[in-house]
Amino acid sequence: VCVHGEVCGKGVAVEHDGSAYSCDHF
């Protein structure tokens, strides 16, 4: 699970308009 990994950032969110964000909580 990402929350207990040493690093993150390889799980991004893409919204309906095609915009990509660093994470779905960001």
mmCIF file of all heavy atoms, coordinates in Angstrom:
data_MODEL
# 
_entry.id   MODEL 
# 
loop_
_atom_site.group_PDB 
_atom_site.id 
_atom_site.type_symbol 
_atom_site.label_atom_id 
_atom_site.label_alt_id 
_atom_site.label_comp_id 
_atom_site.label_asym_id 
_atom_site.label_entity_id 
_atom_site.label_seq_id 
_atom_site.pdbx_PDB_ins_code 
_atom_site.Cartn_x 
_atom_site.Cartn_y 
_atom_site.Cartn_z 
_atom_site.occupancy 
_atom_site.B_iso_or_equiv 
_atom_site.pdbx_formal_charge 
_atom_site.auth_seq_id 
_atom_site.auth_comp_id 
_atom_site.auth_asym_id 
_atom_site.auth_atom_id 
_atom_site.pdbx_PDB_model_num 
ATOM 1   N N   . VAL A 1 1  ? 0.857   -1.187 0.000   1.00 0.00 ? 1  VAL A N   1 
ATOM 2   C CA  . VAL A 1 1  ? 0.000   0.000  0.000   1.00 0.00 ? 1  VAL A CA  1 
ATOM 3   C C   . VAL A 1 1  ? 0.891   1.234  0.000   1.00 0.00 ? 1  VAL A C   1 
ATOM 4   O O   . VAL A 1 1  ? 1.914   1.279  0.685   1.00 0.00 ? 1  VAL A O   1 
ATOM 5   C CB  . VAL A 1 1  ? -0.967  0.023  1.203   1.00 0.00 ? 1  VAL A CB  1 
ATOM 6   C CG1 . VAL A 1 1  ? -1.979  -1.101 1.092   1.00 0.00 ? 1  VAL A CG1 1 
ATOM 7   C CG2 . VAL A 1 1  ? -0.220  -0.077 2.532   1.00 0.00 ? 1  VAL A CG2 1 
ATOM 8   N N   . CYS A 1 2  ? 0.503   2.249  -0.772  1.00 0.00 ? 2  CYS A N   1 
ATOM 9   C CA  . CYS A 1 2  ? 1.362   3.409  -0.967  1.00 0.00 ? 2  CYS A CA  1 
ATOM 10  C C   . CYS A 1 2  ? 1.639   4.161  0.327   1.00 0.00 ? 2  CYS A C   1 
ATOM 11  O O   . CYS A 1 2  ? 2.733   4.714  0.508   1.00 0.00 ? 2  CYS A O   1 
ATOM 12  C CB  . CYS A 1 2  ? 0.763   4.343  -2.012  1.00 0.00 ? 2  CYS A CB  1 
ATOM 13  S SG  . CYS A 1 2  ? -0.874  5.018  -1.584  1.00 0.00 ? 2  CYS A SG  1 
ATOM 14  N N   . VAL A 1 3  ? 0.657   4.192  1.237   1.00 0.00 ? 3  VAL A N   1 
ATOM 15  C CA  . VAL A 1 3  ? 0.816   5.021  2.426   1.00 0.00 ? 3  VAL A CA  1 
ATOM 16  C C   . VAL A 1 3  ? 1.940   4.556  3.331   1.00 0.00 ? 3  VAL A C   1 
ATOM 17  O O   . VAL A 1 3  ? 2.473   5.334  4.123   1.00 0.00 ? 3  VAL A O   1 
ATOM 18  C CB  . VAL A 1 3  ? -0.501  5.125  3.233   1.00 0.00 ? 3  VAL A CB  1 
ATOM 19  C CG1 . VAL A 1 3  ? -1.569  5.826  2.409   1.00 0.00 ? 3  VAL A CG1 1 
ATOM 20  C CG2 . VAL A 1 3  ? -0.983  3.764  3.715   1.00 0.00 ? 3  VAL A CG2 1 
ATOM 21  N N   . HIS A 1 4  ? 2.326   3.286  3.245   1.00 0.00 ? 4  HIS A N   1 
ATOM 22  C CA  . HIS A 1 4  ? 3.412   2.781  4.071   1.00 0.00 ? 4  HIS A CA  1 
ATOM 23  C C   . HIS A 1 4  ? 4.673   2.477  3.269   1.00 0.00 ? 4  HIS A C   1 
ATOM 24  O O   . HIS A 1 4  ? 5.554   1.761  3.740   1.00 0.00 ? 4  HIS A O   1 
ATOM 25  C CB  . HIS A 1 4  ? 2.955   1.552  4.866   1.00 0.00 ? 4  HIS A CB  1 
ATOM 26  C CG  . HIS A 1 4  ? 1.932   1.862  5.898   1.00 0.00 ? 4  HIS A CG  1 
ATOM 27  N ND1 . HIS A 1 4  ? 2.070   2.898  6.799   1.00 0.00 ? 4  HIS A ND1 1 
ATOM 28  C CD2 . HIS A 1 4  ? 0.722   1.296  6.161   1.00 0.00 ? 4  HIS A CD2 1 
ATOM 29  C CE1 . HIS A 1 4  ? 1.003   2.942  7.579   1.00 0.00 ? 4  HIS A CE1 1 
ATOM 30  N NE2 . HIS A 1 4  ? 0.172   1.993  7.213   1.00 0.00 ? 4  HIS A NE2 1 
ATOM 31  N N   . GLY A 1 5  ? 4.754   3.026  2.068   1.00 0.00 ? 5  GLY A N   1 
ATOM 32  C CA  . GLY A 1 5  ? 5.963   2.921  1.278   1.00 0.00 ? 5  GLY A CA  1 
ATOM 33  C C   . GLY A 1 5  ? 6.908   4.066  1.601   1.00 0.00 ? 5  GLY A C   1 
ATOM 34  O O   . GLY A 1 5  ? 6.500   5.124  2.081   1.00 0.00 ? 5  GLY A O   1 
ATOM 35  N N   . GLU A 1 6  ? 8.183   3.880  1.284   1.00 0.00 ? 6  GLU A N   1 
ATOM 36  C CA  . GLU A 1 6  ? 9.175   4.910  1.581   1.00 0.00 ? 6  GLU A CA  1 
ATOM 37  C C   . GLU A 1 6  ? 9.000   6.131  0.685   1.00 0.00 ? 6  GLU A C   1 
ATOM 38  O O   . GLU A 1 6  ? 9.232   7.256  1.109   1.00 0.00 ? 6  GLU A O   1 
ATOM 39  C CB  . GLU A 1 6  ? 10.587  4.337  1.423   1.00 0.00 ? 6  GLU A CB  1 
ATOM 40  C CG  . GLU A 1 6  ? 11.700  5.289  1.816   1.00 0.00 ? 6  GLU A CG  1 
ATOM 41  C CD  . GLU A 1 6  ? 13.071  4.672  1.773   1.00 0.00 ? 6  GLU A CD  1 
ATOM 42  O OE1 . GLU A 1 6  ? 13.169  3.467  1.446   1.00 0.00 ? 6  GLU A OE1 1 
ATOM 43  O OE2 . GLU A 1 6  ? 14.072  5.368  2.061   1.00 0.00 ? 6  GLU A OE2 1 
ATOM 44  N N   . VAL A 1 7  ? 8.617   5.900  -0.560  1.00 0.00 ? 7  VAL A N   1 
ATOM 45  C CA  . VAL A 1 7  ? 8.376   6.990  -1.502  1.00 0.00 ? 7  VAL A CA  1 
ATOM 46  C C   . VAL A 1 7  ? 7.012   6.784  -2.141  1.00 0.00 ? 7  VAL A C   1 
ATOM 47  O O   . VAL A 1 7  ? 6.406   5.713  -2.040  1.00 0.00 ? 7  VAL A O   1 
ATOM 48  C CB  . VAL A 1 7  ? 9.462   7.066  -2.598  1.00 0.00 ? 7  VAL A CB  1 
ATOM 49  C CG1 . VAL A 1 7  ? 10.818  7.364  -1.989  1.00 0.00 ? 7  VAL A CG1 1 
ATOM 50  C CG2 . VAL A 1 7  ? 9.514   5.776  -3.416  1.00 0.00 ? 7  VAL A CG2 1 
ATOM 51  N N   . CYS A 1 8  ? 6.511   7.810  -2.791  1.00 0.00 ? 8  CYS A N   1 
ATOM 52  C CA  . CYS A 1 8  ? 5.251   7.687  -3.522  1.00 0.00 ? 8  CYS A CA  1 
ATOM 53  C C   . CYS A 1 8  ? 5.403   8.424  -4.835  1.00 0.00 ? 8  CYS A C   1 
ATOM 54  O O   . CYS A 1 8  ? 6.518   8.676  -5.288  1.00 0.00 ? 8  CYS A O   1 
ATOM 55  C CB  . CYS A 1 8  ? 4.072   8.214  -2.688  1.00 0.00 ? 8  CYS A CB  1 
ATOM 56  S SG  . CYS A 1 8  ? 4.186   9.959  -2.209  1.00 0.00 ? 8  CYS A SG  1 
ATOM 57  N N   . GLY A 1 9  ? 4.289   8.762  -5.462  1.00 0.00 ? 9  GLY A N   1 
ATOM 58  C CA  . GLY A 1 9  ? 4.369   9.567  -6.668  1.00 0.00 ? 9  GLY A CA  1 
ATOM 59  C C   . GLY A 1 9  ? 4.106   8.855  -7.967  1.00 0.00 ? 9  GLY A C   1 
ATOM 60  O O   . GLY A 1 9  ? 4.005   9.490  -9.021  1.00 0.00 ? 9  GLY A O   1 
ATOM 61  N N   . LYS A 1 10 ? 4.030   7.502  -7.937  1.00 0.00 ? 10 LYS A N   1 
ATOM 62  C CA  . LYS A 1 10 ? 3.750   6.770  -9.169  1.00 0.00 ? 10 LYS A CA  1 
ATOM 63  C C   . LYS A 1 10 ? 2.291   6.354  -9.270  1.00 0.00 ? 10 LYS A C   1 
ATOM 64  O O   . LYS A 1 10 ? 1.939   5.504  -10.083 1.00 0.00 ? 10 LYS A O   1 
ATOM 65  C CB  . LYS A 1 10 ? 4.653   5.539  -9.277  1.00 0.00 ? 10 LYS A CB  1 
ATOM 66  C CG  . LYS A 1 10 ? 6.084   5.875  -9.637  1.00 0.00 ? 10 LYS A CG  1 
ATOM 67  C CD  . LYS A 1 10 ? 6.867   4.640  -9.985  1.00 0.00 ? 10 LYS A CD  1 
ATOM 68  C CE  . LYS A 1 10 ? 8.247   4.933  -10.436 1.00 0.00 ? 10 LYS A CE  1 
ATOM 69  N NZ  . LYS A 1 10 ? 9.000   3.703  -10.802 1.00 0.00 ? 10 LYS A NZ  1 
ATOM 70  N N   . GLY A 1 11 ? 1.451   6.943  -8.451  1.00 0.00 ? 11 GLY A N   1 
ATOM 71  C CA  . GLY A 1 11 ? 0.012   6.728  -8.552  1.00 0.00 ? 11 GLY A CA  1 
ATOM 72  C C   . GLY A 1 11 ? -0.670  8.068  -8.750  1.00 0.00 ? 11 GLY A C   1 
ATOM 73  O O   . GLY A 1 11 ? -0.930  8.784  -7.787  1.00 0.00 ? 11 GLY A O   1 
ATOM 74  N N   . VAL A 1 12 ? -0.906  8.454  -9.985  1.00 0.00 ? 12 VAL A N   1 
ATOM 75  C CA  . VAL A 1 12 ? -1.456  9.768  -10.283 1.00 0.00 ? 12 VAL A CA  1 
ATOM 76  C C   . VAL A 1 12 ? -2.948  9.671  -10.547 1.00 0.00 ? 12 VAL A C   1 
ATOM 77  O O   . VAL A 1 12 ? -3.497  8.590  -10.785 1.00 0.00 ? 12 VAL A O   1 
ATOM 78  C CB  . VAL A 1 12 ? -0.742  10.418 -11.482 1.00 0.00 ? 12 VAL A CB  1 
ATOM 79  C CG1 . VAL A 1 12 ? 0.747   10.579 -11.190 1.00 0.00 ? 12 VAL A CG1 1 
ATOM 80  C CG2 . VAL A 1 12 ? -0.952  9.608  -12.764 1.00 0.00 ? 12 VAL A CG2 1 
ATOM 81  N N   . ALA A 1 13 ? -3.602  10.808 -10.493 1.00 0.00 ? 13 ALA A N   1 
ATOM 82  C CA  . ALA A 1 13 ? -5.032  10.894 -10.778 1.00 0.00 ? 13 ALA A CA  1 
ATOM 83  C C   . ALA A 1 13 ? -5.235  11.643 -12.087 1.00 0.00 ? 13 ALA A C   1 
ATOM 84  O O   . ALA A 1 13 ? -4.570  12.654 -12.341 1.00 0.00 ? 13 ALA A O   1 
ATOM 85  C CB  . ALA A 1 13 ? -5.763  11.609 -9.648  1.00 0.00 ? 13 ALA A CB  1 
ATOM 86  N N   . VAL A 1 14 ? -6.158  11.158 -12.913 1.00 0.00 ? 14 VAL A N   1 
ATOM 87  C CA  . VAL A 1 14 ? -6.544  11.846 -14.143 1.00 0.00 ? 14 VAL A CA  1 
ATOM 88  C C   . VAL A 1 14 ? -8.020  12.178 -14.064 1.00 0.00 ? 14 VAL A C   1 
ATOM 89  O O   . VAL A 1 14 ? -8.860  11.287 -13.881 1.00 0.00 ? 14 VAL A O   1 
ATOM 90  C CB  . VAL A 1 14 ? -6.238  10.997 -15.389 1.00 0.00 ? 14 VAL A CB  1 
ATOM 91  C CG1 . VAL A 1 14 ? -6.849  11.632 -16.638 1.00 0.00 ? 14 VAL A CG1 1 
ATOM 92  C CG2 . VAL A 1 14 ? -4.724  10.839 -15.579 1.00 0.00 ? 14 VAL A CG2 1 
ATOM 93  N N   . GLU A 1 15 ? -8.330  13.449 -14.169 1.00 0.00 ? 15 GLU A N   1 
ATOM 94  C CA  . GLU A 1 15 ? -9.709  13.915 -14.091 1.00 0.00 ? 15 GLU A CA  1 
ATOM 95  C C   . GLU A 1 15 ? -10.430 13.804 -15.427 1.00 0.00 ? 15 GLU A C   1 
ATOM 96  O O   . GLU A 1 15 ? -9.827  13.486 -16.471 1.00 0.00 ? 15 GLU A O   1 
ATOM 97  C CB  . GLU A 1 15 ? -9.738  15.359 -13.583 1.00 0.00 ? 15 GLU A CB  1 
ATOM 98  C CG  . GLU A 1 15 ? -10.100 15.501 -12.115 1.00 0.00 ? 15 GLU A CG  1 
ATOM 99  C CD  . GLU A 1 15 ? -11.589 15.284 -11.874 1.00 0.00 ? 15 GLU A CD  1 
ATOM 100 O OE1 . GLU A 1 15 ? -12.355 15.256 -12.871 1.00 0.00 ? 15 GLU A OE1 1 
ATOM 101 O OE2 . GLU A 1 15 ? -12.012 15.160 -10.729 1.00 0.00 ? 15 GLU A OE2 1 
ATOM 102 N N   . HIS A 1 16 ? -11.729 14.108 -15.384 1.00 0.00 ? 16 HIS A N   1 
ATOM 103 C CA  . HIS A 1 16 ? -12.587 13.947 -16.568 1.00 0.00 ? 16 HIS A CA  1 
ATOM 104 C C   . HIS A 1 16 ? -12.126 14.790 -17.755 1.00 0.00 ? 16 HIS A C   1 
ATOM 105 O O   . HIS A 1 16 ? -12.356 14.428 -18.908 1.00 0.00 ? 16 HIS A O   1 
ATOM 106 C CB  . HIS A 1 16 ? -14.032 14.299 -16.213 1.00 0.00 ? 16 HIS A CB  1 
ATOM 107 C CG  . HIS A 1 16 ? -14.229 15.772 -15.946 1.00 0.00 ? 16 HIS A CG  1 
ATOM 108 N ND1 . HIS A 1 16 ? -14.614 16.655 -16.928 1.00 0.00 ? 16 HIS A ND1 1 
ATOM 109 C CD2 . HIS A 1 16 ? -14.096 16.496 -14.818 1.00 0.00 ? 16 HIS A CD2 1 
ATOM 110 C CE1 . HIS A 1 16 ? -14.702 17.876 -16.403 1.00 0.00 ? 16 HIS A CE1 1 
ATOM 111 N NE2 . HIS A 1 16 ? -14.399 17.807 -15.129 1.00 0.00 ? 16 HIS A NE2 1 
ATOM 112 N N   . ASP A 1 17 ? -11.455 15.916 -17.483 1.00 0.00 ? 17 ASP A N   1 
ATOM 113 C CA  . ASP A 1 17 ? -11.020 16.795 -18.556 1.00 0.00 ? 17 ASP A CA  1 
ATOM 114 C C   . ASP A 1 17 ? -9.635  16.444 -19.099 1.00 0.00 ? 17 ASP A C   1 
ATOM 115 O O   . ASP A 1 17 ? -9.130  17.137 -19.983 1.00 0.00 ? 17 ASP A O   1 
ATOM 116 C CB  . ASP A 1 17 ? -11.046 18.251 -18.083 1.00 0.00 ? 17 ASP A CB  1 
ATOM 117 C CG  . ASP A 1 17 ? -10.047 18.525 -16.952 1.00 0.00 ? 17 ASP A CG  1 
ATOM 118 O OD1 . ASP A 1 17 ? -9.524  17.553 -16.359 1.00 0.00 ? 17 ASP A OD1 1 
ATOM 119 O OD2 . ASP A 1 17 ? -9.786  19.709 -16.669 1.00 0.00 ? 17 ASP A OD2 1 
ATOM 120 N N   . GLY A 1 18 ? -9.040  15.372 -18.556 1.00 0.00 ? 18 GLY A N   1 
ATOM 121 C CA  . GLY A 1 18 ? -7.714  14.955 -18.994 1.00 0.00 ? 18 GLY A CA  1 
ATOM 122 C C   . GLY A 1 18 ? -6.580  15.494 -18.154 1.00 0.00 ? 18 GLY A C   1 
ATOM 123 O O   . GLY A 1 18 ? -5.415  15.167 -18.407 1.00 0.00 ? 18 GLY A O   1 
ATOM 124 N N   . SER A 1 19 ? -6.883  16.341 -17.159 1.00 0.00 ? 19 SER A N   1 
ATOM 125 C CA  . SER A 1 19 ? -5.841  16.881 -16.289 1.00 0.00 ? 19 SER A CA  1 
ATOM 126 C C   . SER A 1 19 ? -5.296  15.800 -15.364 1.00 0.00 ? 19 SER A C   1 
ATOM 127 O O   . SER A 1 19 ? -6.061  15.021 -14.796 1.00 0.00 ? 19 SER A O   1 
ATOM 128 C CB  . SER A 1 19 ? -6.384  18.040 -15.451 1.00 0.00 ? 19 SER A CB  1 
ATOM 129 O OG  . SER A 1 19 ? -6.742  19.135 -16.260 1.00 0.00 ? 19 SER A OG  1 
ATOM 130 N N   . ALA A 1 20 ? -3.985  15.777 -15.221 1.00 0.00 ? 20 ALA A N   1 
ATOM 131 C CA  . ALA A 1 20 ? -3.321  14.821 -14.337 1.00 0.00 ? 20 ALA A CA  1 
ATOM 132 C C   . ALA A 1 20 ? -2.819  15.539 -13.095 1.00 0.00 ? 20 ALA A C   1 
ATOM 133 O O   . ALA A 1 20 ? -2.304  16.655 -13.172 1.00 0.00 ? 20 ALA A O   1 
ATOM 134 C CB  . ALA A 1 20 ? -2.162  14.142 -15.061 1.00 0.00 ? 20 ALA A CB  1 
ATOM 135 N N   . TYR A 1 21 ? -2.960  14.865 -11.939 1.00 0.00 ? 21 TYR A N   1 
ATOM 136 C CA  . TYR A 1 21 ? -2.551  15.425 -10.658 1.00 0.00 ? 21 TYR A CA  1 
ATOM 137 C C   . TYR A 1 21 ? -1.644  14.433 -9.931  1.00 0.00 ? 21 TYR A C   1 
ATOM 138 O O   . TYR A 1 21 ? -1.670  13.224 -10.193 1.00 0.00 ? 21 TYR A O   1 
ATOM 139 C CB  . TYR A 1 21 ? -3.780  15.740 -9.802  1.00 0.00 ? 21 TYR A CB  1 
ATOM 140 C CG  . TYR A 1 21 ? -4.675  16.810 -10.381 1.00 0.00 ? 21 TYR A CG  1 
ATOM 141 C CD1 . TYR A 1 21 ? -5.645  16.488 -11.329 1.00 0.00 ? 21 TYR A CD1 1 
ATOM 142 C CD2 . TYR A 1 21 ? -4.555  18.135 -9.995  1.00 0.00 ? 21 TYR A CD2 1 
ATOM 143 C CE1 . TYR A 1 21 ? -6.465  17.459 -11.872 1.00 0.00 ? 21 TYR A CE1 1 
ATOM 144 C CE2 . TYR A 1 21 ? -5.380  19.119 -10.527 1.00 0.00 ? 21 TYR A CE2 1 
ATOM 145 C CZ  . TYR A 1 21 ? -6.330  18.773 -11.468 1.00 0.00 ? 21 TYR A CZ  1 
ATOM 146 O OH  . TYR A 1 21 ? -7.148  19.748 -11.997 1.00 0.00 ? 21 TYR A OH  1 
ATOM 147 N N   . SER A 1 22 ? -0.870  14.934 -8.998  1.00 0.00 ? 22 SER A N   1 
ATOM 148 C CA  . SER A 1 22 ? 0.137   14.124 -8.311  1.00 0.00 ? 22 SER A CA  1 
ATOM 149 C C   . SER A 1 22 ? -0.433  12.904 -7.604  1.00 0.00 ? 22 SER A C   1 
ATOM 150 O O   . SER A 1 22 ? 0.239   11.876 -7.488  1.00 0.00 ? 22 SER A O   1 
ATOM 151 C CB  . SER A 1 22 ? 0.899   14.983 -7.295  1.00 0.00 ? 22 SER A CB  1 
ATOM 152 O OG  . SER A 1 22 ? 1.674   15.962 -7.941  1.00 0.00 ? 22 SER A OG  1 
ATOM 153 N N   . CYS A 1 23 ? -1.669  12.989 -7.128  1.00 0.00 ? 23 CYS A N   1 
ATOM 154 C CA  . CYS A 1 23 ? -2.326  11.897 -6.400  1.00 0.00 ? 23 CYS A CA  1 
ATOM 155 C C   . CYS A 1 23 ? -3.796  12.269 -6.301  1.00 0.00 ? 23 CYS A C   1 
ATOM 156 O O   . CYS A 1 23 ? -4.142  13.449 -6.418  1.00 0.00 ? 23 CYS A O   1 
ATOM 157 C CB  . CYS A 1 23 ? -1.691  11.744 -5.011  1.00 0.00 ? 23 CYS A CB  1 
ATOM 158 S SG  . CYS A 1 23 ? -2.569  10.638 -3.858  1.00 0.00 ? 23 CYS A SG  1 
ATOM 159 N N   . ASP A 1 24 ? -4.675  11.283 -6.067  1.00 0.00 ? 24 ASP A N   1 
ATOM 160 C CA  . ASP A 1 24 ? -6.087  11.666 -5.998  1.00 0.00 ? 24 ASP A CA  1 
ATOM 161 C C   . ASP A 1 24 ? -6.412  12.410 -4.710  1.00 0.00 ? 24 ASP A C   1 
ATOM 162 O O   . ASP A 1 24 ? -7.473  13.038 -4.617  1.00 0.00 ? 24 ASP A O   1 
ATOM 163 C CB  . ASP A 1 24 ? -7.016  10.470 -6.217  1.00 0.00 ? 24 ASP A CB  1 
ATOM 164 C CG  . ASP A 1 24 ? -7.095  9.517  -5.077  1.00 0.00 ? 24 ASP A CG  1 
ATOM 165 O OD1 . ASP A 1 24 ? -6.097  9.387  -4.331  1.00 0.00 ? 24 ASP A OD1 1 
ATOM 166 O OD2 . ASP A 1 24 ? -8.147  8.850  -4.911  1.00 0.00 ? 24 ASP A OD2 1 
ATOM 167 N N   . HIS A 1 25 ? -5.523  12.398 -3.717  1.00 0.00 ? 25 HIS A N   1 
ATOM 168 C CA  . HIS A 1 25 ? -5.684  13.240 -2.539  1.00 0.00 ? 25 HIS A CA  1 
ATOM 169 C C   . HIS A 1 25 ? -5.035  14.611 -2.722  1.00 0.00 ? 25 HIS A C   1 
ATOM 170 O O   . HIS A 1 25 ? -5.060  15.437 -1.820  1.00 0.00 ? 25 HIS A O   1 
ATOM 171 C CB  . HIS A 1 25 ? -5.113  12.550 -1.294  1.00 0.00 ? 25 HIS A CB  1 
ATOM 172 C CG  . HIS A 1 25 ? -5.997  11.476 -0.763  1.00 0.00 ? 25 HIS A CG  1 
ATOM 173 N ND1 . HIS A 1 25 ? -7.170  11.723 -0.082  1.00 0.00 ? 25 HIS A ND1 1 
ATOM 174 C CD2 . HIS A 1 25 ? -5.888  10.127 -0.810  1.00 0.00 ? 25 HIS A CD2 1 
ATOM 175 C CE1 . HIS A 1 25 ? -7.730  10.598 0.282   1.00 0.00 ? 25 HIS A CE1 1 
ATOM 176 N NE2 . HIS A 1 25 ? -6.989  9.618  -0.156  1.00 0.00 ? 25 HIS A NE2 1 
ATOM 177 N N   . PHE A 1 26 ? -4.447  14.829 -3.879  1.00 0.00 ? 26 PHE A N   1 
ATOM 178 C CA  . PHE A 1 26 ? -3.787  16.098 -4.185  1.00 0.00 ? 26 PHE A CA  1 
ATOM 179 C C   . PHE A 1 26 ? -4.351  16.714 -5.458  1.00 0.00 ? 26 PHE A C   1 
ATOM 180 O O   . PHE A 1 26 ? -3.634  17.366 -6.211  1.00 0.00 ? 26 PHE A O   1 
ATOM 181 C CB  . PHE A 1 26 ? -2.276  15.884 -4.317  1.00 0.00 ? 26 PHE A CB  1 
ATOM 182 C CG  . PHE A 1 26 ? -1.571  15.641 -3.011  1.00 0.00 ? 26 PHE A CG  1 
ATOM 183 C CD1 . PHE A 1 26 ? -1.670  14.418 -2.375  1.00 0.00 ? 26 PHE A CD1 1 
ATOM 184 C CD2 . PHE A 1 26 ? -0.802  16.630 -2.407  1.00 0.00 ? 26 PHE A CD2 1 
ATOM 185 C CE1 . PHE A 1 26 ? -1.019  14.181 -1.161  1.00 0.00 ? 26 PHE A CE1 1 
ATOM 186 C CE2 . PHE A 1 26 ? -0.151  16.408 -1.196  1.00 0.00 ? 26 PHE A CE2 1 
ATOM 187 C CZ  . PHE A 1 26 ? -0.259  15.182 -0.574  1.00 0.00 ? 26 PHE A CZ  1 
# 
